[in-house]
Amino acid sequence: MAKIYRTKELPDWFSNDNYSAAKDFDAAEWYRQLRQREHLISLLKTSKDESHARAYECAEEFSRIIKFIRGVDVRNARIPAFFGFGGYAEFLAANKRGVNLMTFRDLYDHAKKQPGYEQDPEKWFVAMSKFLSDNLPTSMNADPPLLITGWMQNSYERFVPLLVDQSIPDAQLIVDFTAKLPEIRAANNRYLMEKQFYRPNLKSWARYGILQYLDLWIWQMETGAKIPRGLMALAVSDHRGADGLRSTIKWAKESLGNGLGALLALAATEACASKLKSGQLSEH
């Protein structure tokens, strides 16, 4: 598809009116919107890789779920069961404050993401058991730390399960955890996550049209259309024109990187603090 030059050449489904509610979104709703779009981008990228085993499957899923986001008022943009059948509120409750109790299902989901075990994750446990039997440790600390992925697609090994002796007083456990934290970070070279946390200016995200930009970016990826920067700036936001677009692109890219993890932590903490008041979070 050729480069387009006029706003009337933008897709018929695109309307800034559908994004007006974003100015009132809290961290939880921003995370919901951005995570859904991150998934769509991942599906689209995989679908265009003809060498990928899941290319056709991802193309089918993209076509099936894009209709729940594209051309829909953001207040109603919901991919069904995207955050699990327990609903979004339950998902946030399970991710509060970046610390949660690990279950065997976490290990099972991790096994399903290991190359060669996607269709039969039970075999991963068998293989790991055999490896441990064939490689007896020379000391109690010889085994490498266990690193597992999350449930989300394309999640990297970011979680470090811990053994916590509940007979030790809380004050000492906090001291012990603080002393252990550098070793935890070193286990997966996550030192870059040690940057200072800051609360994002969510109203600025709405003003600069991050959701509009991402939706048009996805459309470009899908169709091969090219939207010049000037037209993109005019389409997504009238705030500072083309200069503002640089901020839009910067924040969009950052939010879809490690920024989503920080945003999830903020969203989950806020949801926990508000005790999930009735009507504040949709269940699906």
C-alpha atoms as a PDB file:
ATOM      1  CA  MET A   1       0.000   0.000   0.000  1.00  0.00           C
ATOM      2  CA  ALA A   2       1.359   3.425  -0.963  1.00  0.00           C
ATOM      3  CA  LYS A   3       2.139   6.354   1.281  1.00  0.00           C
ATOM      4  CA  ILE A   4      -0.911   8.395   2.224  1.00  0.00           C
ATOM      5  CA  TYR A   5      -0.959  12.169   2.433  1.00  0.00           C
ATOM      6  CA  ARG A   6      -4.415  13.286   3.582  1.00  0.00           C
ATOM      7  CA  THR A   7      -6.440  12.603   6.700  1.00  0.00           C
ATOM      8  CA  LYS A   8      -9.341  11.307   4.613  1.00  0.00           C
ATOM      9  CA  GLU A   9      -7.045   8.509   3.444  1.00  0.00           C
ATOM     10  CA  LEU A  10      -6.694   7.233   6.992  1.00  0.00           C
ATOM     11  CA  PRO A  11      -8.682   4.046   7.701  1.00  0.00           C
ATOM     12  CA  ASP A  12     -12.432   4.493   8.093  1.00  0.00           C
ATOM     13  CA  TRP A  13     -12.400   3.002  11.591  1.00  0.00           C
ATOM     14  CA  PHE A  14     -10.035   5.671  12.946  1.00  0.00           C
ATOM     15  CA  SER A  15     -11.647   8.481  14.943  1.00  0.00           C
ATOM     16  CA  ASN A  16     -10.172  10.517  17.775  1.00  0.00           C
ATOM     17  CA  ASP A  17     -13.597  10.529  19.395  1.00  0.00           C
ATOM     18  CA  ASN A  18     -13.005   6.895  20.355  1.00  0.00           C
ATOM     19  CA  TYR A  19     -10.019   7.925  22.481  1.00  0.00           C
ATOM     20  CA  SER A  20     -11.478  10.889  24.382  1.00  0.00           C
ATOM     21  CA  ALA A  21     -12.020   8.843  27.560  1.00  0.00           C
ATOM     22  CA  ALA A  22      -8.272   8.122  27.869  1.00  0.00           C
ATOM     23  CA  LYS A  23      -7.716  11.432  29.665  1.00  0.00           C
ATOM     24  CA  ASP A  24      -9.518   9.973  32.688  1.00  0.00           C
ATOM     25  CA  PHE A  25      -7.800   6.578  32.704  1.00  0.00           C
ATOM     26  CA  ASP A  26      -5.976   5.432  35.819  1.00  0.00           C
ATOM     27  CA  ALA A  27      -2.896   3.213  35.826  1.00  0.00           C
ATOM     28  CA  ALA A  28      -5.004   0.043  35.736  1.00  0.00           C
ATOM     29  CA  GLU A  29      -6.876   1.070  32.606  1.00  0.00           C
ATOM     30  CA  TRP A  30      -3.708   2.261  30.872  1.00  0.00           C
ATOM     31  CA  TYR A  31      -2.075  -1.076  31.566  1.00  0.00           C
ATOM     32  CA  ARG A  32      -5.096  -2.917  30.180  1.00  0.00           C
ATOM     33  CA  GLN A  33      -5.075  -0.877  26.970  1.00  0.00           C
ATOM     34  CA  LEU A  34      -1.320  -1.016  26.388  1.00  0.00           C
ATOM     35  CA  ARG A  35      -0.974  -4.713  27.208  1.00  0.00           C
ATOM     36  CA  GLN A  36      -3.669  -5.621  24.687  1.00  0.00           C
ATOM     37  CA  ARG A  37      -1.933  -3.623  21.978  1.00  0.00           C
ATOM     38  CA  GLU A  38       1.434  -5.116  22.854  1.00  0.00           C
ATOM     39  CA  HIS A  39      -0.097  -8.545  22.288  1.00  0.00           C
ATOM     40  CA  LEU A  40      -1.524  -7.489  18.920  1.00  0.00           C
ATOM     41  CA  ILE A  41       1.876  -6.203  17.807  1.00  0.00           C
ATOM     42  CA  SER A  42       3.528  -9.454  18.867  1.00  0.00           C
ATOM     43  CA  LEU A  43       0.958 -11.513  16.965  1.00  0.00           C
ATOM     44  CA  LEU A  44       1.375  -9.394  13.859  1.00  0.00           C
ATOM     45  CA  LYS A  45       5.166  -9.611  13.908  1.00  0.00           C
ATOM     46  CA  THR A  46       5.069 -13.392  14.288  1.00  0.00           C
ATOM     47  CA  SER A  47       2.416 -13.786  11.581  1.00  0.00           C
ATOM     48  CA  LYS A  48       4.663 -12.027   9.069  1.00  0.00           C
ATOM     49  CA  ASP A  49       7.597 -14.341   9.782  1.00  0.00           C
ATOM     50  CA  GLU A  50       6.964 -17.154   7.300  1.00  0.00           C
ATOM     51  CA  SER A  51       9.651 -19.297   8.929  1.00  0.00           C
ATOM     52  CA  HIS A  52       7.899 -19.219  12.304  1.00  0.00           C
ATOM     53  CA  ALA A  53       5.955 -22.363  13.214  1.00  0.00           C
ATOM     54  CA  ARG A  54       3.096 -20.295  14.646  1.00  0.00           C
ATOM     55  CA  ALA A  55       2.870 -17.730  11.849  1.00  0.00           C
ATOM     56  CA  TYR A  56      -0.509 -18.900  10.541  1.00  0.00           C
ATOM     57  CA  GLU A  57      -1.906 -19.416  14.043  1.00  0.00           C
ATOM     58  CA  CYS A  58      -0.886 -15.890  15.071  1.00  0.00           C
ATOM     59  CA  ALA A  59      -2.400 -14.414  11.905  1.00  0.00           C
ATOM     60  CA  GLU A  60      -5.673 -16.169  12.694  1.00  0.00           C
ATOM     61  CA  GLU A  61      -5.673 -14.920  16.280  1.00  0.00           C
ATOM     62  CA  PHE A  62      -4.850 -11.372  15.206  1.00  0.00           C
ATOM     63  CA  SER A  63      -7.757 -11.355  12.759  1.00  0.00           C
ATOM     64  CA  ARG A  64     -10.069 -12.747  15.421  1.00  0.00           C
ATOM     65  CA  ILE A  65      -9.302 -10.275  18.228  1.00  0.00           C
ATOM     66  CA  ILE A  66      -8.398  -7.028  16.445  1.00  0.00           C
ATOM     67  CA  LYS A  67     -12.122  -6.292  16.071  1.00  0.00           C
ATOM     68  CA  PHE A  68     -12.405  -5.875  19.833  1.00  0.00           C
ATOM     69  CA  ILE A  69      -9.925  -2.970  19.761  1.00  0.00           C
ATOM     70  CA  ARG A  70      -9.997  -1.366  16.322  1.00  0.00           C
ATOM     71  CA  GLY A  71     -12.612   1.344  15.863  1.00  0.00           C
ATOM     72  CA  VAL A  72     -13.989   0.751  19.370  1.00  0.00           C
ATOM     73  CA  ASP A  73     -14.376   3.406  22.059  1.00  0.00           C
ATOM     74  CA  VAL A  74     -11.466   2.790  24.447  1.00  0.00           C
ATOM     75  CA  ARG A  75     -13.912   2.537  27.332  1.00  0.00           C
ATOM     76  CA  ASN A  76     -15.189  -0.659  25.712  1.00  0.00           C
ATOM     77  CA  ALA A  77     -11.971  -1.958  24.130  1.00  0.00           C
ATOM     78  CA  ARG A  78     -11.734  -5.396  25.742  1.00  0.00           C
ATOM     79  CA  ILE A  79     -10.362  -8.620  24.276  1.00  0.00           C
ATOM     80  CA  PRO A  80     -12.544 -11.323  25.887  1.00  0.00           C
ATOM     81  CA  ALA A  81     -10.823 -13.350  28.618  1.00  0.00           C
ATOM     82  CA  PHE A  82      -7.517 -11.676  27.768  1.00  0.00           C
ATOM     83  CA  PHE A  83      -6.483 -11.492  31.425  1.00  0.00           C
ATOM     84  CA  GLY A  84      -7.773 -14.944  32.269  1.00  0.00           C
ATOM     85  CA  PHE A  85     -11.226 -16.254  32.971  1.00  0.00           C
ATOM     86  CA  GLY A  86     -11.115 -14.837  36.492  1.00  0.00           C
ATOM     87  CA  GLY A  87     -11.269 -11.327  35.052  1.00  0.00           C
ATOM     88  CA  TYR A  88      -9.055  -8.264  35.154  1.00  0.00           C
ATOM     89  CA  ALA A  89      -9.628  -7.492  38.840  1.00  0.00           C
ATOM     90  CA  GLU A  90      -8.393 -10.948  39.803  1.00  0.00           C
ATOM     91  CA  PHE A  91      -5.396 -10.566  37.501  1.00  0.00           C
ATOM     92  CA  LEU A  92      -4.409  -7.311  39.202  1.00  0.00           C
ATOM     93  CA  ALA A  93      -4.916  -8.787  42.646  1.00  0.00           C
ATOM     94  CA  ALA A  94      -2.544 -11.624  41.723  1.00  0.00           C
ATOM     95  CA  ASN A  95       0.130  -9.150  40.601  1.00  0.00           C
ATOM     96  CA  LYS A  96      -0.018  -6.640  43.445  1.00  0.00           C
ATOM     97  CA  ARG A  97       3.238  -4.952  44.450  1.00  0.00           C
ATOM     98  CA  GLY A  98       5.434  -7.205  42.320  1.00  0.00           C
ATOM     99  CA  VAL A  99       5.475  -9.899  45.031  1.00  0.00           C
ATOM    100  CA  ASN A 100       3.141 -12.849  45.072  1.00  0.00           C
ATOM    101  CA  LEU A 101       2.925 -16.452  46.249  1.00  0.00           C
ATOM    102  CA  MET A 102       4.230 -18.906  43.682  1.00  0.00           C
ATOM    103  CA  THR A 103       2.085 -21.898  42.716  1.00  0.00           C
ATOM    104  CA  PHE A 104       2.844 -25.090  40.825  1.00  0.00           C
ATOM    105  CA  ARG A 105       0.859 -23.644  37.912  1.00  0.00           C
ATOM    106  CA  ASP A 106       3.593 -21.005  37.565  1.00  0.00           C
ATOM    107  CA  LEU A 107       6.100 -23.792  36.954  1.00  0.00           C
ATOM    108  CA  TYR A 108       3.704 -25.572  34.594  1.00  0.00           C
ATOM    109  CA  ASP A 109       3.189 -22.386  32.539  1.00  0.00           C
ATOM    110  CA  HIS A 110       6.954 -21.931  32.478  1.00  0.00           C
ATOM    111  CA  ALA A 111       7.415 -25.485  31.164  1.00  0.00           C
ATOM    112  CA  LYS A 112       4.982 -24.796  28.298  1.00  0.00           C
ATOM    113  CA  LYS A 113       7.254 -21.982  27.094  1.00  0.00           C
ATOM    114  CA  GLN A 114      10.414 -24.065  26.949  1.00  0.00           C
ATOM    115  CA  PRO A 115      11.543 -24.932  23.385  1.00  0.00           C
ATOM    116  CA  GLY A 116      10.428 -28.428  22.475  1.00  0.00           C
ATOM    117  CA  TYR A 117       7.995 -28.801  25.368  1.00  0.00           C
ATOM    118  CA  GLU A 118       5.182 -26.485  24.245  1.00  0.00           C
ATOM    119  CA  GLN A 119       2.771 -29.337  23.477  1.00  0.00           C
ATOM    120  CA  ASP A 120       3.890 -31.667  26.269  1.00  0.00           C
ATOM    121  CA  PRO A 121       5.129 -29.623  29.254  1.00  0.00           C
ATOM    122  CA  GLU A 122       5.151 -32.677  31.537  1.00  0.00           C
ATOM    123  CA  LYS A 123       8.232 -33.935  29.676  1.00  0.00           C
ATOM    124  CA  TRP A 124      10.125 -30.818  30.826  1.00  0.00           C
ATOM    125  CA  PHE A 125       9.763 -31.957  34.442  1.00  0.00           C
ATOM    126  CA  VAL A 126      11.003 -35.420  33.485  1.00  0.00           C
ATOM    127  CA  ALA A 127      14.001 -33.933  31.654  1.00  0.00           C
ATOM    128  CA  MET A 128      14.830 -31.653  34.588  1.00  0.00           C
ATOM    129  CA  SER A 129      14.606 -34.578  37.023  1.00  0.00           C
ATOM    130  CA  LYS A 130      16.977 -36.635  34.893  1.00  0.00           C
ATOM    131  CA  PHE A 131      19.406 -33.716  34.637  1.00  0.00           C
ATOM    132  CA  LEU A 132      19.484 -33.360  38.431  1.00  0.00           C
ATOM    133  CA  SER A 133      19.950 -37.119  38.875  1.00  0.00           C
ATOM    134  CA  ASP A 134      22.860 -37.143  36.415  1.00  0.00           C
ATOM    135  CA  ASN A 135      24.479 -34.027  37.878  1.00  0.00           C
ATOM    136  CA  LEU A 136      24.658 -34.320  41.635  1.00  0.00           C
ATOM    137  CA  PRO A 137      25.619 -31.029  43.345  1.00  0.00           C
ATOM    138  CA  THR A 138      29.046 -30.739  44.949  1.00  0.00           C
ATOM    139  CA  SER A 139      27.634 -28.412  47.599  1.00  0.00           C
ATOM    140  CA  MET A 140      24.311 -26.994  48.777  1.00  0.00           C
ATOM    141  CA  ASN A 141      24.857 -23.872  46.656  1.00  0.00           C
ATOM    142  CA  ALA A 142      26.067 -25.549  43.465  1.00  0.00           C
ATOM    143  CA  ASP A 143      22.740 -25.487  41.617  1.00  0.00           C
ATOM    144  CA  PRO A 144      21.916 -22.306  39.686  1.00  0.00           C
ATOM    145  CA  PRO A 145      18.881 -20.312  40.904  1.00  0.00           C
ATOM    146  CA  LEU A 146      15.502 -21.182  39.417  1.00  0.00           C
ATOM    147  CA  LEU A 147      14.305 -18.543  36.941  1.00  0.00           C
ATOM    148  CA  ILE A 148      10.822 -18.778  35.453  1.00  0.00           C
ATOM    149  CA  THR A 149       8.733 -16.894  32.925  1.00  0.00           C
ATOM    150  CA  GLY A 150       5.329 -15.375  33.503  1.00  0.00           C
ATOM    151  CA  TRP A 151       2.104 -16.403  31.802  1.00  0.00           C
ATOM    152  CA  MET A 152       2.297 -13.661  29.178  1.00  0.00           C
ATOM    153  CA  GLN A 153       3.435 -14.477  25.676  1.00  0.00           C
ATOM    154  CA  ASN A 154       7.092 -13.746  24.943  1.00  0.00           C
ATOM    155  CA  SER A 155       7.776 -13.208  28.642  1.00  0.00           C
ATOM    156  CA  TYR A 156      11.445 -13.545  29.523  1.00  0.00           C
ATOM    157  CA  GLU A 157      12.785 -15.336  32.603  1.00  0.00           C
ATOM    158  CA  ARG A 158      12.062 -12.558  35.050  1.00  0.00           C
ATOM    159  CA  PHE A 159      10.794 -14.291  38.200  1.00  0.00           C
ATOM    160  CA  VAL A 160      13.076 -15.625  40.951  1.00  0.00           C
ATOM    161  CA  PRO A 161      11.244 -17.898  43.426  1.00  0.00           C
ATOM    162  CA  LEU A 162      12.499 -17.688  47.007  1.00  0.00           C
ATOM    163  CA  LEU A 163      12.483 -19.949  50.033  1.00  0.00           C
ATOM    164  CA  VAL A 164      11.154 -18.048  53.049  1.00  0.00           C
ATOM    165  CA  ASP A 165      11.552 -19.481  56.552  1.00  0.00           C
ATOM    166  CA  GLN A 166       8.331 -18.396  58.242  1.00  0.00           C
ATOM    167  CA  SER A 167       9.724 -19.178  61.692  1.00  0.00           C
ATOM    168  CA  ILE A 168      12.011 -16.122  61.413  1.00  0.00           C
ATOM    169  CA  PRO A 169      10.568 -12.767  62.621  1.00  0.00           C
ATOM    170  CA  ASP A 170       9.375 -10.330  59.934  1.00  0.00           C
ATOM    171  CA  ALA A 171      12.000  -7.705  60.771  1.00  0.00           C
ATOM    172  CA  GLN A 172      14.811 -10.193  60.204  1.00  0.00           C
ATOM    173  CA  LEU A 173      13.221 -11.495  56.976  1.00  0.00           C
ATOM    174  CA  ILE A 174      13.188  -7.944  55.603  1.00  0.00           C
ATOM    175  CA  VAL A 175      16.887  -7.545  56.481  1.00  0.00           C
ATOM    176  CA  ASP A 176      17.674 -10.900  54.875  1.00  0.00           C
ATOM    177  CA  PHE A 177      15.772 -10.035  51.698  1.00  0.00           C
ATOM    178  CA  THR A 178      17.558  -6.698  51.383  1.00  0.00           C
ATOM    179  CA  ALA A 179      20.908  -8.457  51.693  1.00  0.00           C
ATOM    180  CA  LYS A 180      19.851 -11.072  49.135  1.00  0.00           C
ATOM    181  CA  LEU A 181      18.514  -8.603  46.554  1.00  0.00           C
ATOM    182  CA  PRO A 182      21.850  -7.919  44.765  1.00  0.00           C
ATOM    183  CA  GLU A 183      22.292 -11.665  44.289  1.00  0.00           C
ATOM    184  CA  ILE A 184      18.731 -11.952  42.974  1.00  0.00           C
ATOM    185  CA  ARG A 185      19.387  -9.226  40.394  1.00  0.00           C
ATOM    186  CA  ALA A 186      22.689 -10.835  39.421  1.00  0.00           C
ATOM    187  CA  ALA A 187      20.949 -14.141  38.736  1.00  0.00           C
ATOM    188  CA  ASN A 188      19.465 -12.748  35.541  1.00  0.00           C
ATOM    189  CA  ASN A 189      21.496  -9.574  34.985  1.00  0.00           C
ATOM    190  CA  ARG A 190      18.499  -7.374  35.806  1.00  0.00           C
ATOM    191  CA  TYR A 191      20.554  -4.436  37.054  1.00  0.00           C
ATOM    192  CA  LEU A 192      18.952  -2.154  34.472  1.00  0.00           C
ATOM    193  CA  MET A 193      15.704  -2.470  36.377  1.00  0.00           C
ATOM    194  CA  GLU A 194      17.312  -0.599  39.265  1.00  0.00           C
ATOM    195  CA  LYS A 195      16.507   2.793  37.777  1.00  0.00           C
ATOM    196  CA  GLN A 196      14.511   5.175  39.934  1.00  0.00           C
ATOM    197  CA  PHE A 197      10.768   4.552  39.763  1.00  0.00           C
ATOM    198  CA  TYR A 198       8.555   7.450  38.813  1.00  0.00           C
ATOM    199  CA  ARG A 199       4.824   7.796  38.401  1.00  0.00           C
ATOM    200  CA  PRO A 200       4.001   8.370  34.728  1.00  0.00           C
ATOM    201  CA  ASN A 201       1.977  11.419  33.744  1.00  0.00           C
ATOM    202  CA  LEU A 202      -1.044   9.534  32.472  1.00  0.00           C
ATOM    203  CA  LYS A 203      -2.887  12.640  31.324  1.00  0.00           C
ATOM    204  CA  SER A 204       0.079  13.495  29.106  1.00  0.00           C
ATOM    205  CA  TRP A 205      -0.130  10.032  27.573  1.00  0.00           C
ATOM    206  CA  ALA A 206      -3.713  10.806  26.592  1.00  0.00           C
ATOM    207  CA  ARG A 207      -2.887  14.319  25.405  1.00  0.00           C
ATOM    208  CA  TYR A 208      -0.111  13.085  23.139  1.00  0.00           C
ATOM    209  CA  GLY A 209      -2.327  10.356  21.664  1.00  0.00           C
ATOM    210  CA  ILE A 210      -0.320   7.250  22.525  1.00  0.00           C
ATOM    211  CA  LEU A 211      -3.245   4.880  21.915  1.00  0.00           C
ATOM    212  CA  GLN A 212      -4.095   6.512  18.591  1.00  0.00           C
ATOM    213  CA  TYR A 213      -0.472   6.260  17.523  1.00  0.00           C
ATOM    214  CA  LEU A 214      -0.232   2.578  18.468  1.00  0.00           C
ATOM    215  CA  ASP A 215      -3.453   1.707  16.644  1.00  0.00           C
ATOM    216  CA  LEU A 216      -2.288   3.436  13.470  1.00  0.00           C
ATOM    217  CA  TRP A 217       1.153   1.858  13.855  1.00  0.00           C
ATOM    218  CA  ILE A 218      -0.485  -1.581  14.028  1.00  0.00           C
ATOM    219  CA  TRP A 219      -2.517  -0.735  10.917  1.00  0.00           C
ATOM    220  CA  GLN A 220       0.652   0.267   9.069  1.00  0.00           C
ATOM    221  CA  MET A 221       2.318  -3.008  10.059  1.00  0.00           C
ATOM    222  CA  GLU A 222      -0.697  -4.959   8.856  1.00  0.00           C
ATOM    223  CA  THR A 223      -1.315  -3.215   5.526  1.00  0.00           C
ATOM    224  CA  GLY A 224       2.093  -1.841   4.560  1.00  0.00           C
ATOM    225  CA  ALA A 225       0.691   1.696   4.455  1.00  0.00           C
ATOM    226  CA  LYS A 226       3.047   4.583   5.239  1.00  0.00           C
ATOM    227  CA  ILE A 227       1.840   7.573   7.228  1.00  0.00           C
ATOM    228  CA  PRO A 228       4.251  10.544   7.053  1.00  0.00           C
ATOM    229  CA  ARG A 229       5.245  12.033  10.407  1.00  0.00           C
ATOM    230  CA  GLY A 230       3.399  15.268   9.769  1.00  0.00           C
ATOM    231  CA  LEU A 231       0.140  13.486   8.985  1.00  0.00           C
ATOM    232  CA  MET A 232       0.608  11.120  11.921  1.00  0.00           C
ATOM    233  CA  ALA A 233       1.090  14.084  14.250  1.00  0.00           C
ATOM    234  CA  LEU A 234      -2.072  15.710  12.892  1.00  0.00           C
ATOM    235  CA  ALA A 235      -4.031  12.487  13.248  1.00  0.00           C
ATOM    236  CA  VAL A 236      -3.106  11.474  16.791  1.00  0.00           C
ATOM    237  CA  SER A 237      -2.800  14.799  18.584  1.00  0.00           C
ATOM    238  CA  ASP A 238      -2.882  18.519  18.020  1.00  0.00           C
ATOM    239  CA  HIS A 239      -0.493  19.056  20.942  1.00  0.00           C
ATOM    240  CA  ARG A 240       2.689  20.738  19.638  1.00  0.00           C
ATOM    241  CA  GLY A 241       2.291  19.159  16.202  1.00  0.00           C
ATOM    242  CA  ALA A 242       5.247  17.230  14.788  1.00  0.00           C
ATOM    243  CA  ASP A 243       7.410  18.159  17.783  1.00  0.00           C
ATOM    244  CA  GLY A 244       4.883  16.502  20.067  1.00  0.00           C
ATOM    245  CA  LEU A 245       4.956  13.361  17.938  1.00  0.00           C
ATOM    246  CA  ARG A 246       8.520  12.720  19.050  1.00  0.00           C
ATOM    247  CA  SER A 247       7.294  12.516  22.633  1.00  0.00           C
ATOM    248  CA  THR A 248       4.374  10.340  21.560  1.00  0.00           C
ATOM    249  CA  ILE A 249       6.699   7.855  19.871  1.00  0.00           C
ATOM    250  CA  LYS A 250       9.175   7.919  22.759  1.00  0.00           C
ATOM    251  CA  TRP A 251       6.530   7.239  25.411  1.00  0.00           C
ATOM    252  CA  ALA A 252       4.806   4.592  23.283  1.00  0.00           C
ATOM    253  CA  LYS A 253       8.049   2.657  22.818  1.00  0.00           C
ATOM    254  CA  GLU A 254       9.025   2.984  26.471  1.00  0.00           C
ATOM    255  CA  SER A 255       5.605   1.887  27.680  1.00  0.00           C
ATOM    256  CA  LEU A 256       5.757  -1.279  25.564  1.00  0.00           C
ATOM    257  CA  GLY A 257       9.212  -2.146  26.851  1.00  0.00           C
ATOM    258  CA  ASN A 258      10.086  -2.612  30.504  1.00  0.00           C
ATOM    259  CA  GLY A 259       7.698   0.240  31.250  1.00  0.00           C
ATOM    260  CA  LEU A 260       4.718  -2.122  31.204  1.00  0.00           C
ATOM    261  CA  GLY A 261       6.145  -4.053  34.120  1.00  0.00           C
ATOM    262  CA  ALA A 262       6.423  -0.891  36.200  1.00  0.00           C
ATOM    263  CA  LEU A 263       2.947   0.195  35.098  1.00  0.00           C
ATOM    264  CA  LEU A 264       1.503  -3.185  36.115  1.00  0.00           C
ATOM    265  CA  ALA A 265       3.095  -2.868  39.555  1.00  0.00           C
ATOM    266  CA  LEU A 266       1.564   0.602  39.941  1.00  0.00           C
ATOM    267  CA  ALA A 267      -1.830  -0.516  38.643  1.00  0.00           C
ATOM    268  CA  ALA A 268      -1.947  -3.566  40.894  1.00  0.00           C
ATOM    269  CA  THR A 269      -0.885  -1.598  43.955  1.00  0.00           C
ATOM    270  CA  GLU A 270      -3.518   1.075  43.335  1.00  0.00           C
ATOM    271  CA  ALA A 271      -6.175  -1.570  42.761  1.00  0.00           C
ATOM    272  CA  CYS A 272      -5.205  -3.305  45.994  1.00  0.00           C
ATOM    273  CA  ALA A 273      -5.249  -0.026  47.932  1.00  0.00           C
ATOM    274  CA  SER A 274      -8.729   0.805  46.671  1.00  0.00           C
ATOM    275  CA  LYS A 275      -9.889  -2.715  47.628  1.00  0.00           C
ATOM    276  CA  LEU A 276     -11.322  -3.127  44.133  1.00  0.00           C
ATOM    277  CA  LYS A 277     -14.397  -1.006  44.784  1.00  0.00           C
ATOM    278  CA  SER A 278     -17.490  -2.111  42.973  1.00  0.00           C
ATOM    279  CA  GLY A 279     -17.680  -0.692  39.465  1.00  0.00           C
ATOM    280  CA  GLN A 280     -14.104   0.606  39.488  1.00  0.00           C
ATOM    281  CA  LEU A 281     -12.726  -2.333  37.517  1.00  0.00           C
ATOM    282  CA  SER A 282     -14.559  -4.372  34.946  1.00  0.00           C
ATOM    283  CA  GLU A 283     -14.272  -8.105  35.562  1.00  0.00           C
ATOM    284  CA  HIS A 284     -13.738  -8.988  31.893  1.00  0.00           C
END
